[in-house]
């Protein structure tokens, strides 16, 4: 038989969207993939301690939900979220000094989705977004996908400098400012009350939105609660507060929420309908049941007691683990300590030696929206018990040596 005559070569498929071109993969996720071996002591990921999950309480909540109302819990639901869960969140926010109605809230698939919805609802390509420097990595990814122009606001050991914020807002047409004011990721620092008031006043005067991300605020080990920016009258009509159950209940449930003025909240509801219709019905129902039947505040006190010991173990061992001349902060809560190595050191270059010694951290350079500082690195202290932290620091000392 004659051989078949080859047809024309198939045309190539279209390329991925151009908005992906300037958005890098998260180095934290890549480092986590490299350090999954159980023998590696990792200070890299901001992971809650799994042995501290209230597994029995969460299991009981799911059991009761499925026993009492499986048909509803396994069905489609409304975009805005479970009414009982929104009521419980509103009560918790109100109890901490921010009067909130359940209708003010939208339940999201983690607070990361809440940030993505706000970006979808607010940002056009080229819009100016201000961020603290260094900044939460996934926020930089979100704003990159939106095509925003990210401008770094100078900071010091207390966070964003209000005078610098005013100067930038005066010369830029700012759409929004993104902050993690309490136990910031990656630095662990907390913006003082006076600076929060100043931020609210600049936002009101210059006319931009404030996105206040608060995933760590309940993990306080020292000091007193600092009121949210959203609680300042000057910013009440322009602040979006993001919250999460990932750090105090379980990250695998992927439950977050946003509190926003009515117009923006409705826009976020429409954006969420396009993204996933609604957050998992059964997970929302289980969380609402957990909040009804269990004492989350008591569980948080247990977490804070354990995490404070871990923070203190890390801080106690850093002088012996790090090169002479290194500097670091002492956070009042959260998950992270921020380190500055001496001049001439490069944390990214040293990471290879650290992994060879079966210990890991996250280099600080990728967190910077402005000029990166190669000497910086982030250490997370929540995942490991104090004895493991001390061993990890001994390994780090050998790697740096």
Protein backbone atom coordinates (compact mmCIF):
# COMPACT_ATOMS: atom_id res chain seq x y z
CA UNK A 1 0.00 0.00 0.00
CA UNK A 2 1.22 3.53 -0.67
CA UNK A 3 2.35 5.39 2.44
CA UNK A 4 0.06 8.06 3.80
CA UNK A 5 0.90 11.58 2.73
CA UNK A 6 1.61 13.62 5.86
CA UNK A 7 -0.74 16.49 6.42
CA UNK A 8 0.23 19.96 7.50
CA UNK A 9 1.78 20.34 10.95
CA UNK A 10 -0.78 21.28 13.60
CA UNK A 11 -0.90 24.95 14.47
CA UNK A 12 0.48 25.85 17.91
CA UNK A 13 -1.97 26.55 20.70
CA UNK A 14 -2.27 30.16 21.94
CA UNK A 15 0.18 31.35 24.57
CA UNK A 16 -0.76 31.94 28.20
CA UNK A 17 -2.12 35.36 29.14
CA UNK A 18 0.35 38.22 29.10
CA UNK A 19 -0.58 39.15 32.68
CA UNK A 20 1.35 36.03 33.82
CA UNK A 21 4.61 37.33 32.38
CA UNK A 22 5.56 39.54 35.29
CA UNK A 23 4.28 37.32 38.12
CA UNK A 24 6.86 35.02 39.68
CA UNK A 25 6.18 31.77 41.49
CA UNK A 26 6.26 32.03 45.29
CA UNK A 27 9.75 31.17 46.58
CA UNK A 28 8.15 30.12 49.88
CA UNK A 29 6.16 27.40 48.11
CA UNK A 30 9.24 26.29 46.20
CA UNK A 31 11.31 26.09 49.40
CA UNK A 32 8.55 24.11 51.11
CA UNK A 33 8.69 21.60 48.26
CA UNK A 34 12.46 21.25 48.78
CA UNK A 35 12.15 20.75 52.53
CA UNK A 36 9.33 18.20 52.76
CA UNK A 37 11.75 15.54 53.99
CA UNK A 38 10.94 14.83 57.65
CA UNK A 39 14.60 15.14 58.66
CA UNK A 40 14.65 18.83 57.61
CA UNK A 41 13.81 21.32 60.35
CA UNK A 42 12.14 24.11 58.43
CA UNK A 43 11.73 27.68 59.65
CA UNK A 44 10.51 28.53 56.15
CA UNK A 45 6.74 28.09 56.04
CA UNK A 46 4.27 30.02 58.17
CA UNK A 47 2.57 26.79 59.16
CA UNK A 48 0.45 26.27 62.28
CA UNK A 49 1.55 23.39 64.48
CA UNK A 50 -0.53 20.35 63.43
CA UNK A 51 -0.29 18.71 66.84
CA UNK A 52 -2.13 21.72 68.27
CA UNK A 53 -5.15 21.45 65.97
CA UNK A 54 -8.34 20.79 67.92
CA UNK A 55 -8.89 17.65 65.88
CA UNK A 56 -11.51 16.20 68.23
CA UNK A 57 -13.54 19.41 68.30
CA UNK A 58 -13.41 19.86 64.53
CA UNK A 59 -14.32 16.22 63.91
CA UNK A 60 -17.28 16.52 66.30
CA UNK A 61 -18.47 19.65 64.47
CA UNK A 62 -18.46 17.84 61.11
CA UNK A 63 -20.19 14.82 62.65
CA UNK A 64 -22.98 16.96 64.09
CA UNK A 65 -23.44 18.90 60.87
CA UNK A 66 -23.74 15.72 58.82
CA UNK A 67 -25.97 14.02 61.40
CA UNK A 68 -28.35 16.95 61.85
CA UNK A 69 -28.52 18.48 58.37
CA UNK A 70 -26.52 16.65 55.72
CA UNK A 71 -28.91 17.56 52.92
CA UNK A 72 -28.30 21.27 53.48
CA UNK A 73 -24.60 20.98 54.35
CA UNK A 74 -23.81 19.08 51.15
CA UNK A 75 -25.89 21.30 48.86
CA UNK A 76 -25.05 24.47 46.94
CA UNK A 77 -25.31 27.63 49.03
CA UNK A 78 -25.42 31.41 48.79
CA UNK A 79 -22.37 33.38 47.69
CA UNK A 80 -22.36 35.62 50.77
CA UNK A 81 -21.84 32.68 53.11
CA UNK A 82 -23.40 30.69 55.93
CA UNK A 83 -25.62 32.98 58.03
CA UNK A 84 -24.61 31.36 61.34
CA UNK A 85 -20.92 31.67 60.50
CA UNK A 86 -21.25 35.34 59.50
CA UNK A 87 -23.12 36.02 62.73
CA UNK A 88 -20.37 34.36 64.77
CA UNK A 89 -17.64 36.32 62.97
CA UNK A 90 -19.57 39.57 63.40
CA UNK A 91 -19.92 38.87 67.12
CA UNK A 92 -16.19 38.22 67.47
CA UNK A 93 -15.27 41.44 65.64
CA UNK A 94 -17.78 43.45 67.65
CA UNK A 95 -16.43 41.96 70.87
CA UNK A 96 -12.93 43.14 69.93
CA UNK A 97 -14.07 46.72 69.35
CA UNK A 98 -15.24 46.86 65.73
CA UNK A 99 -19.03 47.02 65.51
CA UNK A 100 -19.99 44.62 62.72
CA UNK A 101 -23.26 43.27 61.37
CA UNK A 102 -23.41 39.85 59.65
CA UNK A 103 -24.52 41.64 56.49
CA UNK A 104 -21.17 43.50 56.46
CA UNK A 105 -19.34 40.23 55.79
CA UNK A 106 -18.55 37.94 52.86
CA UNK A 107 -17.20 34.46 53.59
CA UNK A 108 -14.30 33.54 51.31
CA UNK A 109 -12.14 30.53 50.50
CA UNK A 110 -9.33 31.67 52.74
CA UNK A 111 -8.36 35.30 53.20
CA UNK A 112 -6.15 34.98 50.11
CA UNK A 113 -9.30 34.75 48.00
CA UNK A 114 -10.66 37.79 49.81
CA UNK A 115 -7.63 39.78 48.66
CA UNK A 116 -8.01 38.47 45.10
CA UNK A 117 -11.69 39.49 45.06
CA UNK A 118 -10.85 43.01 46.24
CA UNK A 119 -8.19 43.28 43.53
CA UNK A 120 -10.68 42.08 40.90
CA UNK A 121 -13.33 44.53 42.09
CA UNK A 122 -11.06 47.58 42.39
CA UNK A 123 -8.01 47.40 40.16
CA UNK A 124 -7.50 48.27 36.51
CA UNK A 125 -4.18 47.62 34.75
CA UNK A 126 -1.77 50.40 35.66
CA UNK A 127 -3.51 51.40 38.90
CA UNK A 128 -1.13 52.33 41.71
CA UNK A 129 -1.10 50.05 44.75
CA UNK A 130 0.98 51.02 47.76
CA UNK A 131 2.51 48.29 49.94
CA UNK A 132 4.74 48.22 52.97
CA UNK A 133 8.29 47.17 52.21
CA UNK A 134 8.91 44.26 52.72
CA UNK A 135 5.45 42.89 51.91
CA UNK A 136 3.46 39.63 52.05
CA UNK A 137 4.53 37.67 48.97
CA UNK A 138 1.12 36.43 47.82
CA UNK A 139 -0.19 40.00 47.89
CA UNK A 140 2.52 40.98 45.42
CA UNK A 141 1.41 38.07 43.21
CA UNK A 142 -2.23 39.17 43.43
CA UNK A 143 -1.46 42.75 42.46
CA UNK A 144 0.81 41.50 39.67
CA UNK A 145 -2.04 39.44 38.18
CA UNK A 146 -4.24 42.53 38.30
CA UNK A 147 -1.67 44.49 36.30
CA UNK A 148 -1.23 47.06 39.06
CA UNK A 149 1.83 49.24 39.48
CA UNK A 150 3.14 48.41 42.95
CA UNK A 151 4.91 51.19 44.83
CA UNK A 152 6.77 50.43 48.06
CA UNK A 153 6.24 52.69 51.08
CA UNK A 154 9.34 53.06 53.27
CA UNK A 155 9.17 51.43 56.70
CA UNK A 156 11.11 51.24 59.94
CA UNK A 157 10.93 48.88 62.92
CA UNK A 158 7.36 50.07 63.59
CA UNK A 159 6.08 49.60 60.05
CA UNK A 160 4.89 52.12 57.47
CA UNK A 161 6.22 55.66 58.01
CA UNK A 162 3.23 58.05 57.78
CA UNK A 163 5.25 60.97 56.42
CA UNK A 164 6.56 58.78 53.59
CA UNK A 165 3.02 57.55 52.89
CA UNK A 166 1.80 61.15 52.68
CA UNK A 167 4.60 62.13 50.32
CA UNK A 168 3.96 59.22 47.93
CA UNK A 169 0.17 59.70 48.03
CA UNK A 170 0.64 63.36 47.16
CA UNK A 171 2.50 62.57 43.92
CA UNK A 172 0.83 59.30 42.87
CA UNK A 173 -2.78 58.63 41.94
CA UNK A 174 -3.21 55.84 44.50
CA UNK A 175 -6.05 53.32 44.26
CA UNK A 176 -5.33 51.35 47.42
CA UNK A 177 -2.87 50.73 50.24
CA UNK A 178 -2.30 47.14 51.39
CA UNK A 179 -1.10 46.50 54.96
CA UNK A 180 -0.73 43.67 57.46
CA UNK A 181 -0.66 45.96 60.51
CA UNK A 182 -0.49 43.30 63.26
CA UNK A 183 2.38 40.78 63.41
CA UNK A 184 3.16 41.45 59.79
CA UNK A 185 4.29 38.82 57.33
CA UNK A 186 7.29 38.68 56.86
CA UNK A 187 8.64 40.95 59.61
CA UNK A 188 6.40 40.18 62.61
CA UNK A 189 6.18 43.88 63.48
CA UNK A 190 3.03 45.71 64.59
CA UNK A 191 1.96 49.17 63.43
CA UNK A 192 1.41 51.34 66.54
CA UNK A 193 -1.98 52.94 67.24
CA UNK A 194 -0.79 56.46 66.42
CA UNK A 195 0.46 55.36 63.01
CA UNK A 196 -2.81 53.56 62.30
CA UNK A 197 -4.67 56.77 62.96
CA UNK A 198 -2.26 58.64 60.68
CA UNK A 199 -2.78 56.06 57.91
CA UNK A 200 -6.55 56.48 58.22
CA UNK A 201 -6.22 60.26 57.95
CA UNK A 202 -3.93 60.10 54.90
CA UNK A 203 -6.36 57.72 53.19
CA UNK A 204 -9.25 60.07 53.86
CA UNK A 205 -7.31 63.14 52.75
CA UNK A 206 -5.85 61.60 49.59
CA UNK A 207 -8.83 59.43 48.65
CA UNK A 208 -7.68 55.80 48.44
CA UNK A 209 -8.79 52.44 49.79
CA UNK A 210 -7.03 50.66 52.67
CA UNK A 211 -6.91 46.86 52.64
CA UNK A 212 -6.16 45.75 56.20
CA UNK A 213 -5.15 42.07 56.29
CA UNK A 214 -5.38 40.50 59.76
CA UNK A 215 -4.67 36.76 59.72
CA UNK A 216 -2.43 36.81 62.81
CA UNK A 217 -4.07 39.35 65.14
CA UNK A 218 -5.46 36.85 67.65
CA UNK A 219 -2.04 35.22 68.12
CA UNK A 220 -0.83 37.78 70.67
CA UNK A 221 1.69 36.73 73.32
CA UNK A 222 2.60 40.09 74.85
CA UNK A 223 1.03 43.53 75.04
CA UNK A 224 -2.52 44.73 74.37
CA UNK A 225 -4.75 44.62 71.30
CA UNK A 226 -4.25 47.60 68.98
CA UNK A 227 -7.47 48.84 67.33
CA UNK A 228 -7.91 48.12 63.66
CA UNK A 229 -7.51 50.88 61.08
CA UNK A 230 -11.10 50.02 60.13
CA UNK A 231 -12.18 51.24 63.58
CA UNK A 232 -10.92 54.80 62.91
CA UNK A 233 -13.79 57.07 61.79
CA UNK A 234 -11.64 58.71 59.11
CA UNK A 235 -11.21 55.37 57.32
CA UNK A 236 -14.50 53.63 58.10
CA UNK A 237 -15.89 54.21 54.60
CA UNK A 238 -12.72 53.11 52.78
CA UNK A 239 -11.20 50.19 54.72
CA UNK A 240 -11.55 46.52 53.82
CA UNK A 241 -10.72 44.20 56.71
CA UNK A 242 -9.61 40.66 55.80
CA UNK A 243 -9.70 37.82 58.32
CA UNK A 244 -8.99 34.10 58.44
CA UNK A 245 -9.62 30.95 60.48
CA UNK A 246 -6.46 29.34 59.09
CA UNK A 247 -4.18 30.29 61.96
CA UNK A 248 -6.63 29.70 64.83
CA UNK A 249 -8.80 26.79 63.63
CA UNK A 250 -7.30 24.89 60.65
CA UNK A 251 -5.79 26.11 57.37
CA UNK A 252 -7.10 23.08 55.49
CA UNK A 253 -10.67 24.29 55.96
CA UNK A 254 -9.79 27.32 53.77
CA UNK A 255 -12.14 29.76 55.48
CA UNK A 256 -11.67 33.53 55.44
CA UNK A 257 -13.86 36.59 55.37
CA UNK A 258 -13.88 40.20 54.30
CA UNK A 259 -15.64 43.15 55.90
CA UNK A 260 -16.21 46.03 53.49
CA UNK A 261 -18.51 48.98 52.80
CA UNK A 262 -21.70 47.92 51.03
CA UNK A 263 -20.84 49.00 47.47
CA UNK A 264 -17.46 47.27 47.38
CA UNK A 265 -18.81 44.21 49.19
CA UNK A 266 -21.49 43.76 46.54
CA UNK A 267 -18.84 44.00 43.82
CA UNK A 268 -16.80 41.33 45.61
CA UNK A 269 -19.89 39.09 45.76
CA UNK A 270 -20.21 39.31 41.97
CA UNK A 271 -16.48 38.60 41.57
CA UNK A 272 -16.79 35.56 43.82
CA UNK A 273 -19.74 34.23 41.84
CA UNK A 274 -17.48 34.23 38.80
CA UNK A 275 -14.64 32.58 40.75
CA UNK A 276 -16.27 29.70 42.65
CA UNK A 277 -19.98 30.46 43.23
CA UNK A 278 -19.54 30.08 47.00
CA UNK A 279 -17.17 28.74 49.63
CA UNK A 280 -17.55 25.09 50.66
CA UNK A 281 -20.97 24.69 52.31
CA UNK A 282 -20.01 21.83 54.60
CA UNK A 283 -16.83 23.52 55.80
CA UNK A 284 -18.71 26.71 56.62
CA UNK A 285 -21.38 24.74 58.47
CA UNK A 286 -18.75 22.83 60.45
CA UNK A 287 -16.96 26.04 61.39
CA UNK A 288 -20.22 27.61 62.54
CA UNK A 289 -21.02 24.51 64.57
CA UNK A 290 -17.53 24.51 66.07
CA UNK A 291 -17.93 28.13 67.14
CA UNK A 292 -21.28 27.26 68.73
CA UNK A 293 -20.22 24.08 70.55
CA UNK A 294 -16.53 24.68 71.36
CA UNK A 295 -14.57 27.45 73.05
CA UNK A 296 -12.38 28.93 70.31
CA UNK A 297 -10.98 31.55 72.67
CA UNK A 298 -9.77 28.83 75.04
CA UNK A 299 -8.15 27.05 72.09
CA UNK A 300 -6.46 30.30 71.03
CA UNK A 301 -5.10 30.71 74.56
CA UNK A 302 -3.58 27.23 74.26
CA UNK A 303 -2.04 28.15 70.91
CA UNK A 304 -0.64 31.40 72.29
CA UNK A 305 0.93 29.64 75.27
CA UNK A 306 2.66 27.11 73.05
CA UNK A 307 3.71 29.60 70.39
CA UNK A 308 5.12 32.00 72.96
CA UNK A 309 7.43 29.24 74.22
CA UNK A 310 8.51 28.56 70.65
CA UNK A 311 9.13 32.23 69.91
CA UNK A 312 11.20 32.54 73.08
CA UNK A 313 13.21 29.42 72.23
CA UNK A 314 14.03 30.89 68.82
CA UNK A 315 15.00 34.29 70.21
CA UNK A 316 17.13 32.72 72.93
CA UNK A 317 19.13 30.70 70.41
CA UNK A 318 19.65 33.31 67.68
CA UNK A 319 22.79 34.93 69.20
CA UNK A 320 24.65 31.61 68.91
CA UNK A 321 23.14 30.64 65.54
CA UNK A 322 23.67 33.80 63.49
CA UNK A 323 26.87 35.56 62.42
CA UNK A 324 28.17 38.24 64.78
CA UNK A 325 26.62 41.59 63.95
CA UNK A 326 23.24 40.16 62.92
CA UNK A 327 20.07 41.97 64.06
CA UNK A 328 16.54 40.70 64.60
CA UNK A 329 13.27 41.86 66.12
CA UNK A 330 11.14 40.52 69.00
CA UNK A 331 7.52 40.27 67.80
CA UNK A 332 4.68 40.45 70.33
CA UNK A 333 2.80 37.69 68.48
CA UNK A 334 2.20 36.06 65.14
CA UNK A 335 4.55 33.59 63.49
CA UNK A 336 7.67 35.36 62.26
CA UNK A 337 11.02 36.85 63.26
CA UNK A 338 12.84 39.08 60.75
CA UNK A 339 16.63 38.88 60.59
CA UNK A 340 19.23 41.22 59.09
CA UNK A 341 22.60 39.54 58.52
CA UNK A 342 25.79 41.64 58.56
CA UNK A 343 27.06 43.50 55.52
CA UNK A 344 28.39 41.15 52.84
CA UNK A 345 26.11 38.21 53.60
CA UNK A 346 23.53 36.90 51.11
CA UNK A 347 20.72 34.88 52.67
CA UNK A 348 19.66 33.32 49.36
CA UNK A 349 23.22 32.16 48.64
CA UNK A 350 23.54 30.69 52.15
CA UNK A 351 20.24 28.78 51.89
CA UNK A 352 21.90 25.96 49.89
CA UNK A 353 24.34 25.33 52.72
CA UNK A 354 21.49 25.45 55.23
CA UNK A 355 19.47 22.81 53.35
CA UNK A 356 22.59 20.64 53.17
CA UNK A 357 22.61 20.84 56.98
CA UNK A 358 18.91 19.87 56.98
CA UNK A 359 17.55 23.23 58.08
CA UNK A 360 15.71 25.89 56.06
CA UNK A 361 14.47 29.49 56.14
CA UNK A 362 13.10 31.96 53.61
CA UNK A 363 15.47 34.57 52.13
CA UNK A 364 14.04 38.07 52.54
CA UNK A 365 14.83 39.57 49.13
CA UNK A 366 11.65 38.35 47.34
CA UNK A 367 9.45 40.08 49.95
CA UNK A 368 10.74 43.51 48.92
CA UNK A 369 8.62 45.50 46.49
CA UNK A 370 11.38 48.10 46.35
CA UNK A 371 15.12 47.48 46.28
CA UNK A 372 15.74 43.96 47.70
CA UNK A 373 18.01 43.52 50.69
CA UNK A 374 19.93 40.25 50.25
CA UNK A 375 20.99 40.23 53.91
CA UNK A 376 17.45 39.67 55.20
CA UNK A 377 15.65 36.42 56.00
CA UNK A 378 12.42 35.26 57.64
CA UNK A 379 12.21 32.63 60.38
CA UNK A 380 8.90 31.05 61.36
CA UNK A 381 8.77 29.60 64.88
CA UNK A 382 5.29 28.06 65.15
CA UNK A 383 5.71 24.69 63.42
CA UNK A 384 8.29 23.07 65.70
CA UNK A 385 8.49 22.42 69.44
CA UNK A 386 11.23 24.23 71.42
CA UNK A 387 13.60 21.24 71.38
CA UNK A 388 13.38 21.01 67.58
CA UNK A 389 13.89 24.76 67.29
CA UNK A 390 17.08 24.53 69.34
CA UNK A 391 18.37 21.69 67.16
CA UNK A 392 17.45 23.65 64.02
CA UNK A 393 19.43 26.63 65.28
CA UNK A 394 22.46 24.42 65.97
CA UNK A 395 22.26 23.24 62.35
CA UNK A 396 21.90 26.82 61.15
CA UNK A 397 24.99 27.83 63.11
CA UNK A 398 27.01 25.10 61.39
CA UNK A 399 25.67 26.13 57.98
CA UNK A 400 26.53 29.80 58.51
CA UNK A 401 29.96 28.86 59.86
